[in-house]
Amino acid sequence: MKVRRYATSMAIAVVIAVAMITGCSRKTPPPAPPPPAPPPPPVVQQAPPPPPPAQPKPQPPPPPPAPLTEEQIYQKTPLDELSRQLSEVLFNYDQFTVREDQRPGLQKNADWMRKWATSKVQVEGHADARGTNEYNLALGERRANAVRDYMVGLGIAADRITVVSRGEESPACTEDTEACHARNRRGRFAVTAR
């Protein structure tokens, strides 16, 4: 009986050993590796964003207007301003002869009229307040005629110059002094047409 027990014990030991061996050889399989990560989505090359619209180049300032020509200035200038470009002629007391010192001014006026060949002027003859109105009107007319004749002698056509006597009616100065009287004894140019 001992043998049987021994054999049974042995059989059990063998079964245990086999189970152990078998159990050891049957190790639990290692856990399955995780499934491979899905491949990353393909990189889609996105077109770069369009550049911001180009800022419009600042417009250069408009060029300054071309300067006016001498002719344009002449045409735009009012007649009274043109008249101020011409020299007055002064006379001695009770005289209507063009004085020597006044001739350069008349030469300048003649040059101006030659430059602006279509211009026309009126020569106003003036007198100071001494004397009667009738006398001063006659003296003013003689002074205006003397100026016109001098201008004609410088080559300006007579039909471009008219004369008028203002006598003592339009004084340049109203004081009762010799200096003031001298300013009133004059021939004044007024441009009447371009």
N, C-alpha and C. Protein backbone atom coordinates (compact mmCIF):
# COMPACT_ATOMS: atom_id res chain seq x y z
N MET A 1 0.77 -1.14 0.00
CA MET A 1 0.00 0.00 0.00
C MET A 1 0.84 1.24 0.00
N LYS A 2 1.93 1.09 0.54
CA LYS A 2 2.86 2.15 0.50
C LYS A 2 3.29 2.41 -0.92
N VAL A 3 3.40 1.41 -1.63
CA VAL A 3 3.86 1.59 -3.01
C VAL A 3 2.74 2.27 -3.78
N ARG A 4 1.60 1.92 -3.46
CA ARG A 4 0.53 2.51 -4.19
C ARG A 4 0.42 3.97 -3.86
N ARG A 5 0.61 4.21 -2.66
CA ARG A 5 0.55 5.59 -2.28
C ARG A 5 1.67 6.34 -2.89
N TYR A 6 2.77 5.68 -2.88
CA TYR A 6 3.93 6.29 -3.47
C TYR A 6 3.66 6.50 -4.94
N ALA A 7 3.09 5.58 -5.58
CA ALA A 7 2.84 5.68 -7.02
C ALA A 7 1.80 6.75 -7.25
N THR A 8 0.86 6.84 -6.38
CA THR A 8 -0.18 7.82 -6.58
C THR A 8 0.42 9.19 -6.35
N SER A 9 1.25 9.27 -5.32
CA SER A 9 1.90 10.54 -5.07
C SER A 9 2.76 10.91 -6.23
N MET A 10 3.41 9.92 -6.74
CA MET A 10 4.30 10.17 -7.86
C MET A 10 3.47 10.59 -9.07
N ALA A 11 2.36 9.97 -9.25
CA ALA A 11 1.54 10.28 -10.42
C ALA A 11 1.02 11.71 -10.29
N ILE A 12 0.69 12.04 -9.08
CA ILE A 12 0.17 13.38 -8.86
C ILE A 12 1.30 14.36 -9.10
N ALA A 13 2.49 14.00 -8.60
CA ALA A 13 3.62 14.90 -8.79
C ALA A 13 3.92 15.06 -10.26
N VAL A 14 3.80 13.96 -11.00
CA VAL A 14 4.09 14.04 -12.44
C VAL A 14 3.04 14.92 -13.09
N VAL A 15 1.80 14.70 -12.69
CA VAL A 15 0.73 15.49 -13.31
C VAL A 15 0.97 16.96 -12.99
N ILE A 16 1.39 17.24 -11.76
CA ILE A 16 1.63 18.63 -11.38
C ILE A 16 2.80 19.16 -12.17
N ALA A 17 3.85 18.32 -12.27
CA ALA A 17 5.02 18.78 -13.02
C ALA A 17 4.66 19.02 -14.46
N VAL A 18 3.86 18.12 -15.02
CA VAL A 18 3.49 18.29 -16.43
C VAL A 18 2.64 19.54 -16.55
N ALA A 19 1.77 19.68 -15.58
CA ALA A 19 0.91 20.86 -15.66
C ALA A 19 1.74 22.13 -15.54
N MET A 20 2.73 22.03 -14.69
CA MET A 20 3.57 23.20 -14.54
C MET A 20 4.37 23.46 -15.79
N ILE A 21 4.92 22.37 -16.33
CA ILE A 21 5.73 22.53 -17.54
C ILE A 21 4.83 23.03 -18.65
N THR A 22 3.69 22.37 -18.72
CA THR A 22 2.80 22.78 -19.77
C THR A 22 2.33 24.19 -19.50
N GLY A 23 2.03 24.44 -18.27
CA GLY A 23 1.58 25.79 -17.94
C GLY A 23 2.64 26.82 -18.19
N CYS A 24 3.88 26.45 -17.91
CA CYS A 24 4.97 27.40 -18.15
C CYS A 24 5.18 27.59 -19.61
N SER A 25 5.02 26.47 -20.34
CA SER A 25 5.26 26.64 -21.76
C SER A 25 4.10 27.37 -22.39
N ARG A 26 3.03 27.38 -21.70
CA ARG A 26 1.89 28.08 -22.25
C ARG A 26 1.79 29.45 -21.62
N LYS A 27 2.79 29.99 -21.56
CA LYS A 27 2.77 31.32 -20.95
C LYS A 27 1.71 32.14 -21.66
N THR A 28 1.18 33.00 -20.93
CA THR A 28 0.20 33.86 -21.54
C THR A 28 0.93 34.68 -22.60
N PRO A 29 0.36 34.64 -23.69
CA PRO A 29 1.04 35.39 -24.73
C PRO A 29 1.09 36.85 -24.32
N PRO A 30 2.19 37.46 -24.68
CA PRO A 30 2.27 38.87 -24.31
C PRO A 30 1.10 39.60 -24.96
N PRO A 31 0.73 40.63 -24.34
CA PRO A 31 -0.41 41.34 -24.94
C PRO A 31 -0.05 41.72 -26.36
N ALA A 32 -1.05 41.68 -27.17
CA ALA A 32 -0.83 42.00 -28.58
C ALA A 32 -0.35 43.45 -28.68
N PRO A 33 0.65 43.62 -29.53
CA PRO A 33 1.09 45.00 -29.66
C PRO A 33 -0.08 45.85 -30.14
N PRO A 34 -0.06 47.06 -29.70
CA PRO A 34 -1.19 47.88 -30.15
C PRO A 34 -1.16 47.97 -31.66
N PRO A 35 -2.30 48.09 -32.20
CA PRO A 35 -2.30 48.16 -33.66
C PRO A 35 -1.48 49.38 -34.07
N PRO A 36 -0.82 49.22 -35.20
CA PRO A 36 0.00 50.36 -35.61
C PRO A 36 -0.88 51.60 -35.76
N ALA A 37 -0.30 52.72 -35.39
CA ALA A 37 -1.05 53.97 -35.49
C ALA A 37 -1.39 54.20 -36.96
N PRO A 38 -2.57 54.67 -37.15
CA PRO A 38 -2.89 54.90 -38.56
C PRO A 38 -1.92 55.93 -39.10
N PRO A 39 -1.61 55.76 -40.36
CA PRO A 39 -0.66 56.72 -40.91
C PRO A 39 -1.23 58.12 -40.79
N PRO A 40 -0.34 59.09 -40.57
CA PRO A 40 -0.88 60.44 -40.45
C PRO A 40 -1.56 60.83 -41.76
N PRO A 41 -2.55 61.63 -41.63
CA PRO A 41 -3.21 62.02 -42.88
C PRO A 41 -2.19 62.68 -43.79
N PRO A 42 -2.36 62.45 -45.07
CA PRO A 42 -1.38 63.05 -45.97
C PRO A 42 -1.38 64.55 -45.79
N VAL A 43 -0.18 65.10 -45.81
CA VAL A 43 -0.06 66.54 -45.65
C VAL A 43 -0.49 67.18 -46.97
N VAL A 44 -1.57 67.90 -46.85
CA VAL A 44 -2.05 68.58 -48.05
C VAL A 44 -1.35 69.93 -48.10
N GLN A 45 -0.62 70.12 -49.13
CA GLN A 45 0.07 71.40 -49.27
C GLN A 45 -0.99 72.46 -49.57
N GLN A 46 -1.22 73.30 -48.60
CA GLN A 46 -2.18 74.37 -48.84
C GLN A 46 -1.44 75.51 -49.51
N ALA A 47 -2.13 76.05 -50.44
CA ALA A 47 -1.51 77.21 -51.10
C ALA A 47 -1.36 78.29 -50.05
N PRO A 48 -0.22 78.99 -50.08
CA PRO A 48 -0.09 80.06 -49.09
C PRO A 48 -1.20 81.08 -49.30
N PRO A 49 -1.60 81.72 -48.24
CA PRO A 49 -2.68 82.70 -48.43
C PRO A 49 -2.20 83.76 -49.42
N PRO A 50 -3.14 84.27 -50.19
CA PRO A 50 -2.72 85.29 -51.16
C PRO A 50 -2.17 86.49 -50.41
N PRO A 51 -1.18 87.13 -51.01
CA PRO A 51 -0.63 88.31 -50.33
C PRO A 51 -1.72 89.36 -50.23
N PRO A 52 -1.62 90.21 -49.23
CA PRO A 52 -2.64 91.26 -49.14
C PRO A 52 -2.58 92.12 -50.39
N PRO A 53 -3.71 92.65 -50.76
CA PRO A 53 -3.69 93.47 -51.99
C PRO A 53 -2.67 94.60 -51.83
N ALA A 54 -1.99 94.82 -52.92
CA ALA A 54 -0.96 95.87 -52.88
C ALA A 54 -1.63 97.20 -52.59
N GLN A 55 -1.02 97.93 -51.70
CA GLN A 55 -1.54 99.26 -51.40
C GLN A 55 -1.33 100.11 -52.64
N PRO A 56 -2.35 100.84 -53.04
CA PRO A 56 -2.13 101.68 -54.23
C PRO A 56 -1.03 102.68 -53.93
N LYS A 57 -0.21 102.84 -54.93
CA LYS A 57 0.87 103.81 -54.75
C LYS A 57 0.24 105.19 -54.59
N PRO A 58 0.76 105.96 -53.66
CA PRO A 58 0.17 107.30 -53.53
C PRO A 58 0.37 108.05 -54.83
N GLN A 59 -0.68 108.70 -55.20
CA GLN A 59 -0.61 109.47 -56.44
C GLN A 59 0.31 110.66 -56.22
N PRO A 60 1.20 110.88 -57.16
CA PRO A 60 2.05 112.05 -56.99
C PRO A 60 1.17 113.29 -57.09
N PRO A 61 1.56 114.34 -56.41
CA PRO A 61 0.73 115.54 -56.49
C PRO A 61 0.70 116.01 -57.93
N PRO A 62 -0.42 116.60 -58.31
CA PRO A 62 -0.49 117.06 -59.70
C PRO A 62 0.60 118.10 -59.93
N PRO A 63 1.11 118.11 -61.13
CA PRO A 63 2.16 119.10 -61.39
C PRO A 63 1.59 120.50 -61.25
N PRO A 64 2.42 121.41 -60.81
CA PRO A 64 1.89 122.77 -60.69
C PRO A 64 1.50 123.28 -62.07
N PRO A 65 0.50 124.13 -62.11
CA PRO A 65 0.11 124.63 -63.42
C PRO A 65 1.29 125.37 -64.06
N ALA A 66 1.33 125.26 -65.34
CA ALA A 66 2.40 125.94 -66.06
C ALA A 66 2.28 127.44 -65.80
N PRO A 67 3.40 128.10 -65.62
CA PRO A 67 3.30 129.55 -65.40
C PRO A 67 2.68 130.21 -66.61
N LEU A 68 1.93 131.25 -66.31
CA LEU A 68 1.26 131.97 -67.40
C LEU A 68 2.30 132.66 -68.27
N THR A 69 2.00 132.70 -69.53
CA THR A 69 2.88 133.42 -70.45
C THR A 69 2.63 134.92 -70.27
N GLU A 70 3.53 135.69 -70.81
CA GLU A 70 3.37 137.14 -70.73
C GLU A 70 2.08 137.58 -71.41
N GLU A 71 1.77 136.94 -72.52
CA GLU A 71 0.54 137.26 -73.26
C GLU A 71 -0.69 136.94 -72.41
N GLN A 72 -0.68 135.77 -71.73
CA GLN A 72 -1.82 135.40 -70.88
C GLN A 72 -1.97 136.37 -69.72
N ILE A 73 -0.86 136.76 -69.13
CA ILE A 73 -0.93 137.73 -68.03
C ILE A 73 -1.52 139.05 -68.55
N TYR A 74 -1.05 139.47 -69.69
CA TYR A 74 -1.54 140.72 -70.28
C TYR A 74 -3.06 140.63 -70.51
N GLN A 75 -3.52 139.50 -71.06
CA GLN A 75 -4.94 139.35 -71.37
C GLN A 75 -5.80 139.30 -70.09
N LYS A 76 -5.23 138.79 -69.00
CA LYS A 76 -6.01 138.67 -67.75
C LYS A 76 -5.96 139.93 -66.89
N THR A 77 -5.01 140.79 -67.14
CA THR A 77 -4.85 141.96 -66.29
C THR A 77 -5.93 142.99 -66.60
N PRO A 78 -6.63 143.47 -65.59
CA PRO A 78 -7.64 144.51 -65.83
C PRO A 78 -7.01 145.76 -66.45
N LEU A 79 -7.81 146.48 -67.23
CA LEU A 79 -7.30 147.66 -67.94
C LEU A 79 -6.75 148.71 -66.99
N ASP A 80 -7.39 148.90 -65.84
CA ASP A 80 -6.87 149.93 -64.93
C ASP A 80 -5.49 149.56 -64.39
N GLU A 81 -5.23 148.24 -64.23
CA GLU A 81 -3.89 147.84 -63.80
C GLU A 81 -2.89 148.02 -64.93
N LEU A 82 -3.31 147.74 -66.15
CA LEU A 82 -2.43 147.97 -67.30
C LEU A 82 -2.09 149.47 -67.38
N SER A 83 -3.08 150.29 -67.11
CA SER A 83 -2.85 151.74 -67.18
C SER A 83 -1.77 152.18 -66.20
N ARG A 84 -1.72 151.51 -65.04
CA ARG A 84 -0.71 151.88 -64.04
C ARG A 84 0.71 151.50 -64.48
N GLN A 85 0.82 150.67 -65.50
CA GLN A 85 2.15 150.32 -66.02
C GLN A 85 2.73 151.43 -66.88
N LEU A 86 1.92 152.39 -67.24
CA LEU A 86 2.36 153.48 -68.12
C LEU A 86 2.69 154.72 -67.28
N SER A 87 3.71 155.42 -67.73
CA SER A 87 4.17 156.61 -66.99
C SER A 87 3.29 157.82 -67.29
N GLU A 88 3.08 158.63 -66.26
CA GLU A 88 2.43 159.92 -66.46
C GLU A 88 3.48 160.93 -66.92
N VAL A 89 3.02 162.00 -67.53
CA VAL A 89 3.91 163.07 -68.00
C VAL A 89 3.57 164.32 -67.19
N LEU A 90 4.58 164.93 -66.58
CA LEU A 90 4.35 166.15 -65.80
C LEU A 90 4.73 167.37 -66.63
N PHE A 91 4.03 168.48 -66.37
CA PHE A 91 4.24 169.73 -67.11
C PHE A 91 4.57 170.86 -66.15
N ASN A 92 5.24 171.86 -66.70
CA ASN A 92 5.51 173.08 -65.92
C ASN A 92 4.23 173.89 -65.83
N TYR A 93 4.23 174.83 -64.89
CA TYR A 93 3.06 175.68 -64.66
C TYR A 93 2.69 176.43 -65.95
N ASP A 94 1.43 176.31 -66.31
CA ASP A 94 0.87 177.02 -67.46
C ASP A 94 1.57 176.67 -68.78
N GLN A 95 2.15 175.46 -68.85
CA GLN A 95 2.86 175.02 -70.06
C GLN A 95 2.25 173.72 -70.58
N PHE A 96 2.45 173.45 -71.87
CA PHE A 96 2.00 172.18 -72.45
C PHE A 96 3.09 171.54 -73.31
N THR A 97 4.31 172.04 -73.21
CA THR A 97 5.44 171.45 -73.91
C THR A 97 5.97 170.28 -73.08
N VAL A 98 6.25 169.14 -73.76
CA VAL A 98 6.79 167.97 -73.06
C VAL A 98 8.19 168.30 -72.56
N ARG A 99 8.39 168.18 -71.26
CA ARG A 99 9.69 168.50 -70.67
C ARG A 99 10.72 167.42 -71.02
N GLU A 100 11.98 167.83 -71.05
CA GLU A 100 13.08 166.91 -71.36
C GLU A 100 13.12 165.73 -70.38
N ASP A 101 12.91 166.00 -69.11
CA ASP A 101 13.00 164.92 -68.12
C ASP A 101 11.81 163.95 -68.17
N GLN A 102 10.78 164.29 -68.94
CA GLN A 102 9.61 163.42 -69.06
C GLN A 102 9.68 162.51 -70.29
N ARG A 103 10.63 162.77 -71.16
CA ARG A 103 10.71 162.00 -72.42
C ARG A 103 11.05 160.52 -72.20
N PRO A 104 11.94 160.17 -71.26
CA PRO A 104 12.19 158.73 -71.05
C PRO A 104 10.91 157.95 -70.67
N GLY A 105 10.04 158.57 -69.90
CA GLY A 105 8.77 157.90 -69.55
C GLY A 105 7.91 157.68 -70.78
N LEU A 106 7.89 158.69 -71.67
CA LEU A 106 7.12 158.53 -72.90
C LEU A 106 7.74 157.47 -73.81
N GLN A 107 9.07 157.39 -73.82
CA GLN A 107 9.74 156.34 -74.61
C GLN A 107 9.34 154.96 -74.08
N LYS A 108 9.30 154.84 -72.78
CA LYS A 108 8.88 153.57 -72.16
C LYS A 108 7.44 153.24 -72.56
N ASN A 109 6.57 154.22 -72.54
CA ASN A 109 5.18 154.01 -72.93
C ASN A 109 5.08 153.58 -74.40
N ALA A 110 5.90 154.21 -75.25
CA ALA A 110 5.89 153.85 -76.67
C ALA A 110 6.38 152.41 -76.85
N ASP A 111 7.40 152.01 -76.10
CA ASP A 111 7.89 150.63 -76.18
C ASP A 111 6.80 149.66 -75.75
N TRP A 112 6.08 150.00 -74.70
CA TRP A 112 4.99 149.15 -74.21
C TRP A 112 3.92 149.01 -75.29
N MET A 113 3.57 150.12 -75.93
CA MET A 113 2.54 150.07 -76.97
C MET A 113 3.02 149.31 -78.20
N ARG A 114 4.30 149.35 -78.49
CA ARG A 114 4.82 148.54 -79.60
C ARG A 114 4.74 147.05 -79.26
N LYS A 115 5.04 146.73 -78.02
CA LYS A 115 4.98 145.33 -77.59
C LYS A 115 3.56 144.80 -77.67
N TRP A 116 2.62 145.58 -77.20
CA TRP A 116 1.21 145.19 -77.22
C TRP A 116 0.55 145.98 -78.35
N ALA A 117 0.77 145.50 -79.55
CA ALA A 117 0.46 146.27 -80.76
C ALA A 117 -1.03 146.51 -80.98
N THR A 118 -1.89 145.79 -80.28
CA THR A 118 -3.33 146.03 -80.48
C THR A 118 -3.90 146.95 -79.40
N SER A 119 -3.07 147.34 -78.46
CA SER A 119 -3.56 148.18 -77.37
C SER A 119 -3.89 149.58 -77.87
N LYS A 120 -4.83 150.19 -77.15
CA LYS A 120 -5.19 151.59 -77.43
C LYS A 120 -5.22 152.32 -76.10
N VAL A 121 -4.88 153.60 -76.16
CA VAL A 121 -4.85 154.39 -74.93
C VAL A 121 -5.59 155.70 -75.13
N GLN A 122 -5.96 156.25 -74.01
CA GLN A 122 -6.51 157.61 -74.00
C GLN A 122 -5.57 158.44 -73.13
N VAL A 123 -5.16 159.59 -73.65
CA VAL A 123 -4.31 160.49 -72.87
C VAL A 123 -5.23 161.55 -72.27
N GLU A 124 -5.20 161.59 -70.93
CA GLU A 124 -6.00 162.60 -70.22
C GLU A 124 -5.10 163.78 -69.90
N GLY A 125 -5.51 164.98 -70.30
CA GLY A 125 -4.78 166.19 -69.95
C GLY A 125 -5.36 166.80 -68.68
N HIS A 126 -4.50 167.06 -67.69
CA HIS A 126 -4.94 167.60 -66.40
C HIS A 126 -4.24 168.93 -66.12
N ALA A 127 -4.92 169.75 -65.31
CA ALA A 127 -4.35 171.04 -64.89
C ALA A 127 -4.55 171.18 -63.39
N ASP A 128 -3.77 172.08 -62.77
CA ASP A 128 -4.01 172.33 -61.34
C ASP A 128 -5.21 173.25 -61.20
N ALA A 129 -5.59 173.54 -59.95
CA ALA A 129 -6.83 174.27 -59.68
C ALA A 129 -6.74 175.76 -59.92
N ARG A 130 -5.56 176.28 -60.22
CA ARG A 130 -5.46 177.73 -60.45
C ARG A 130 -5.96 178.06 -61.84
N GLY A 131 -6.67 179.13 -61.98
CA GLY A 131 -7.23 179.52 -63.28
C GLY A 131 -8.69 179.11 -63.35
N THR A 132 -9.35 179.57 -64.40
CA THR A 132 -10.78 179.27 -64.56
C THR A 132 -10.95 177.85 -65.09
N ASN A 133 -12.14 177.34 -64.92
CA ASN A 133 -12.43 175.99 -65.44
C ASN A 133 -12.21 175.93 -66.94
N GLU A 134 -12.68 176.98 -67.67
CA GLU A 134 -12.55 176.97 -69.13
C GLU A 134 -11.08 176.97 -69.54
N TYR A 135 -10.30 177.81 -68.86
CA TYR A 135 -8.87 177.89 -69.19
C TYR A 135 -8.19 176.55 -68.91
N ASN A 136 -8.51 175.95 -67.76
CA ASN A 136 -7.87 174.67 -67.40
C ASN A 136 -8.30 173.53 -68.33
N LEU A 137 -9.54 173.55 -68.80
CA LEU A 137 -9.97 172.53 -69.77
C LEU A 137 -9.17 172.68 -71.07
N ALA A 138 -8.98 173.93 -71.54
CA ALA A 138 -8.23 174.17 -72.77
C ALA A 138 -6.76 173.77 -72.58
N LEU A 139 -6.18 174.10 -71.41
CA LEU A 139 -4.79 173.75 -71.13
C LEU A 139 -4.63 172.22 -71.05
N GLY A 140 -5.60 171.55 -70.44
CA GLY A 140 -5.57 170.07 -70.36
C GLY A 140 -5.61 169.45 -71.75
N GLU A 141 -6.41 170.02 -72.63
CA GLU A 141 -6.49 169.48 -73.99
C GLU A 141 -5.18 169.69 -74.73
N ARG A 142 -4.55 170.86 -74.58
CA ARG A 142 -3.25 171.11 -75.24
C ARG A 142 -2.19 170.14 -74.71
N ARG A 143 -2.21 169.86 -73.42
CA ARG A 143 -1.26 168.91 -72.84
C ARG A 143 -1.49 167.49 -73.39
N ALA A 144 -2.74 167.06 -73.47
CA ALA A 144 -3.04 165.72 -74.00
C ALA A 144 -2.60 165.62 -75.46
N ASN A 145 -2.85 166.70 -76.26
CA ASN A 145 -2.44 166.68 -77.67
C ASN A 145 -0.91 166.65 -77.79
N ALA A 146 -0.21 167.37 -76.90
CA ALA A 146 1.26 167.39 -76.96
C ALA A 146 1.80 165.98 -76.68
N VAL A 147 1.19 165.27 -75.74
CA VAL A 147 1.63 163.91 -75.43
C VAL A 147 1.34 163.00 -76.62
N ARG A 148 0.12 163.09 -77.17
CA ARG A 148 -0.21 162.25 -78.33
C ARG A 148 0.77 162.51 -79.47
N ASP A 149 1.04 163.77 -79.78
CA ASP A 149 1.94 164.11 -80.88
C ASP A 149 3.34 163.55 -80.63
N TYR A 150 3.78 163.59 -79.38
CA TYR A 150 5.11 163.07 -79.07
C TYR A 150 5.14 161.56 -79.29
N MET A 151 4.08 160.88 -78.88
CA MET A 151 4.00 159.43 -79.06
C MET A 151 3.96 159.07 -80.55
N VAL A 152 3.22 159.85 -81.33
CA VAL A 152 3.19 159.61 -82.78
C VAL A 152 4.59 159.79 -83.36
N GLY A 153 5.32 160.80 -82.86
CA GLY A 153 6.70 161.01 -83.30
C GLY A 153 7.60 159.82 -82.95
N LEU A 154 7.24 159.05 -81.94
CA LEU A 154 8.00 157.85 -81.57
C LEU A 154 7.56 156.61 -82.35
N GLY A 155 6.61 156.81 -83.27
CA GLY A 155 6.20 155.70 -84.14
C GLY A 155 4.90 155.02 -83.77
N ILE A 156 4.16 155.56 -82.83
CA ILE A 156 2.87 154.95 -82.46
C ILE A 156 1.79 155.57 -83.34
N ALA A 157 0.95 154.72 -83.93
CA ALA A 157 -0.11 155.21 -84.84
C ALA A 157 -1.07 156.12 -84.08
N ALA A 158 -1.42 157.24 -84.72
CA ALA A 158 -2.30 158.23 -84.09
C ALA A 158 -3.67 157.66 -83.76
N ASP A 159 -4.13 156.67 -84.56
CA ASP A 159 -5.47 156.13 -84.30
C ASP A 159 -5.52 155.21 -83.06
N ARG A 160 -4.38 154.98 -82.45
CA ARG A 160 -4.35 154.18 -81.22
C ARG A 160 -4.39 155.08 -79.98
N ILE A 161 -4.38 156.39 -80.19
CA ILE A 161 -4.32 157.33 -79.06
C ILE A 161 -5.45 158.35 -79.21
N THR A 162 -6.32 158.38 -78.21
CA THR A 162 -7.34 159.43 -78.18
C THR A 162 -6.97 160.39 -77.06
N VAL A 163 -7.52 161.59 -77.11
CA VAL A 163 -7.22 162.59 -76.07
C VAL A 163 -8.51 163.09 -75.45
N VAL A 164 -8.39 163.46 -74.19
CA VAL A 164 -9.51 164.06 -73.48
C VAL A 164 -8.93 165.03 -72.46
N SER A 165 -9.62 166.13 -72.23
CA SER A 165 -9.18 167.07 -71.21
C SER A 165 -10.01 166.88 -69.95
N ARG A 166 -9.33 166.74 -68.83
CA ARG A 166 -10.01 166.64 -67.54
C ARG A 166 -9.91 167.97 -66.79
N GLY A 167 -9.12 168.90 -67.32
CA GLY A 167 -8.97 170.19 -66.64
C GLY A 167 -8.53 169.99 -65.21
N GLU A 168 -9.24 170.64 -64.30
CA GLU A 168 -8.92 170.52 -62.87
C GLU A 168 -9.87 169.57 -62.16
N GLU A 169 -10.70 168.84 -62.92
CA GLU A 169 -11.78 168.04 -62.34
C GLU A 169 -11.33 166.74 -61.65
N SER A 170 -10.21 166.19 -62.02
CA SER A 170 -9.76 164.91 -61.42
C SER A 170 -8.35 165.06 -60.88
N PRO A 171 -8.20 165.82 -59.80
CA PRO A 171 -6.84 166.04 -59.29
C PRO A 171 -6.24 164.79 -58.66
N ALA A 172 -4.94 164.68 -58.77
CA ALA A 172 -4.21 163.60 -58.10
C ALA A 172 -3.98 163.97 -56.64
N CYS A 173 -4.03 165.27 -56.34
CA CYS A 173 -3.73 165.79 -55.02
C CYS A 173 -4.61 167.01 -54.80
N THR A 174 -5.07 167.21 -53.57
CA THR A 174 -5.99 168.32 -53.32
C THR A 174 -5.43 169.40 -52.40
N GLU A 175 -4.18 169.28 -51.99
CA GLU A 175 -3.61 170.31 -51.11
C GLU A 175 -3.26 171.56 -51.92
N ASP A 176 -3.29 172.69 -51.24
CA ASP A 176 -2.95 173.95 -51.93
C ASP A 176 -1.46 174.24 -51.71
N THR A 177 -0.62 173.36 -52.28
CA THR A 177 0.84 173.55 -52.18
C THR A 177 1.41 173.42 -53.58
N GLU A 178 2.62 173.96 -53.76
CA GLU A 178 3.24 173.88 -55.08
C GLU A 178 3.51 172.41 -55.45
N ALA A 179 3.93 171.59 -54.47
CA ALA A 179 4.20 170.18 -54.76
C ALA A 179 2.93 169.48 -55.25
N CYS A 180 1.82 169.81 -54.64
CA CYS A 180 0.55 169.21 -55.04
C CYS A 180 0.14 169.73 -56.42
N HIS A 181 0.27 171.03 -56.66
CA HIS A 181 -0.08 171.58 -57.98
C HIS A 181 0.76 170.93 -59.07
N ALA A 182 2.05 170.68 -58.77
CA ALA A 182 2.94 170.08 -59.76
C ALA A 182 2.48 168.67 -60.13
N ARG A 183 1.94 167.94 -59.16
CA ARG A 183 1.44 166.58 -59.45
C ARG A 183 0.18 166.61 -60.31
N ASN A 184 -0.58 167.69 -60.22
CA ASN A 184 -1.83 167.79 -60.97
C ASN A 184 -1.63 168.25 -62.41
N ARG A 185 -0.49 168.85 -62.71
CA ARG A 185 -0.20 169.30 -64.09
C ARG A 185 0.39 168.10 -64.85
N ARG A 186 -0.50 167.30 -65.45
CA ARG A 186 0.00 166.03 -65.99
C ARG A 186 -0.80 165.57 -67.20
N GLY A 187 -0.17 164.63 -67.89
CA GLY A 187 -0.86 163.86 -68.93
C GLY A 187 -0.88 162.42 -68.44
N ARG A 188 -2.05 161.86 -68.29
CA ARG A 188 -2.19 160.50 -67.73
C ARG A 188 -2.65 159.55 -68.84
N PHE A 189 -2.05 158.36 -68.88
CA PHE A 189 -2.43 157.34 -69.85
C PHE A 189 -3.44 156.39 -69.23
N ALA A 190 -4.51 156.12 -69.99
CA ALA A 190 -5.50 155.12 -69.58
C ALA A 190 -5.66 154.14 -70.75
N VAL A 191 -5.39 152.87 -70.48
CA VAL A 191 -5.54 151.85 -71.53
C VAL A 191 -7.03 151.64 -71.74
N THR A 192 -7.45 151.72 -73.00
CA THR A 192 -8.88 151.58 -73.33
C THR A 192 -9.19 150.29 -74.06
N ALA A 193 -8.19 149.67 -74.66
CA ALA A 193 -8.40 148.41 -75.38
C ALA A 193 -7.10 147.62 -75.42
N ARG A 194 -7.22 146.34 -75.48
CA ARG A 194 -6.04 145.48 -75.56
C ARG A 194 -5.56 145.40 -76.97
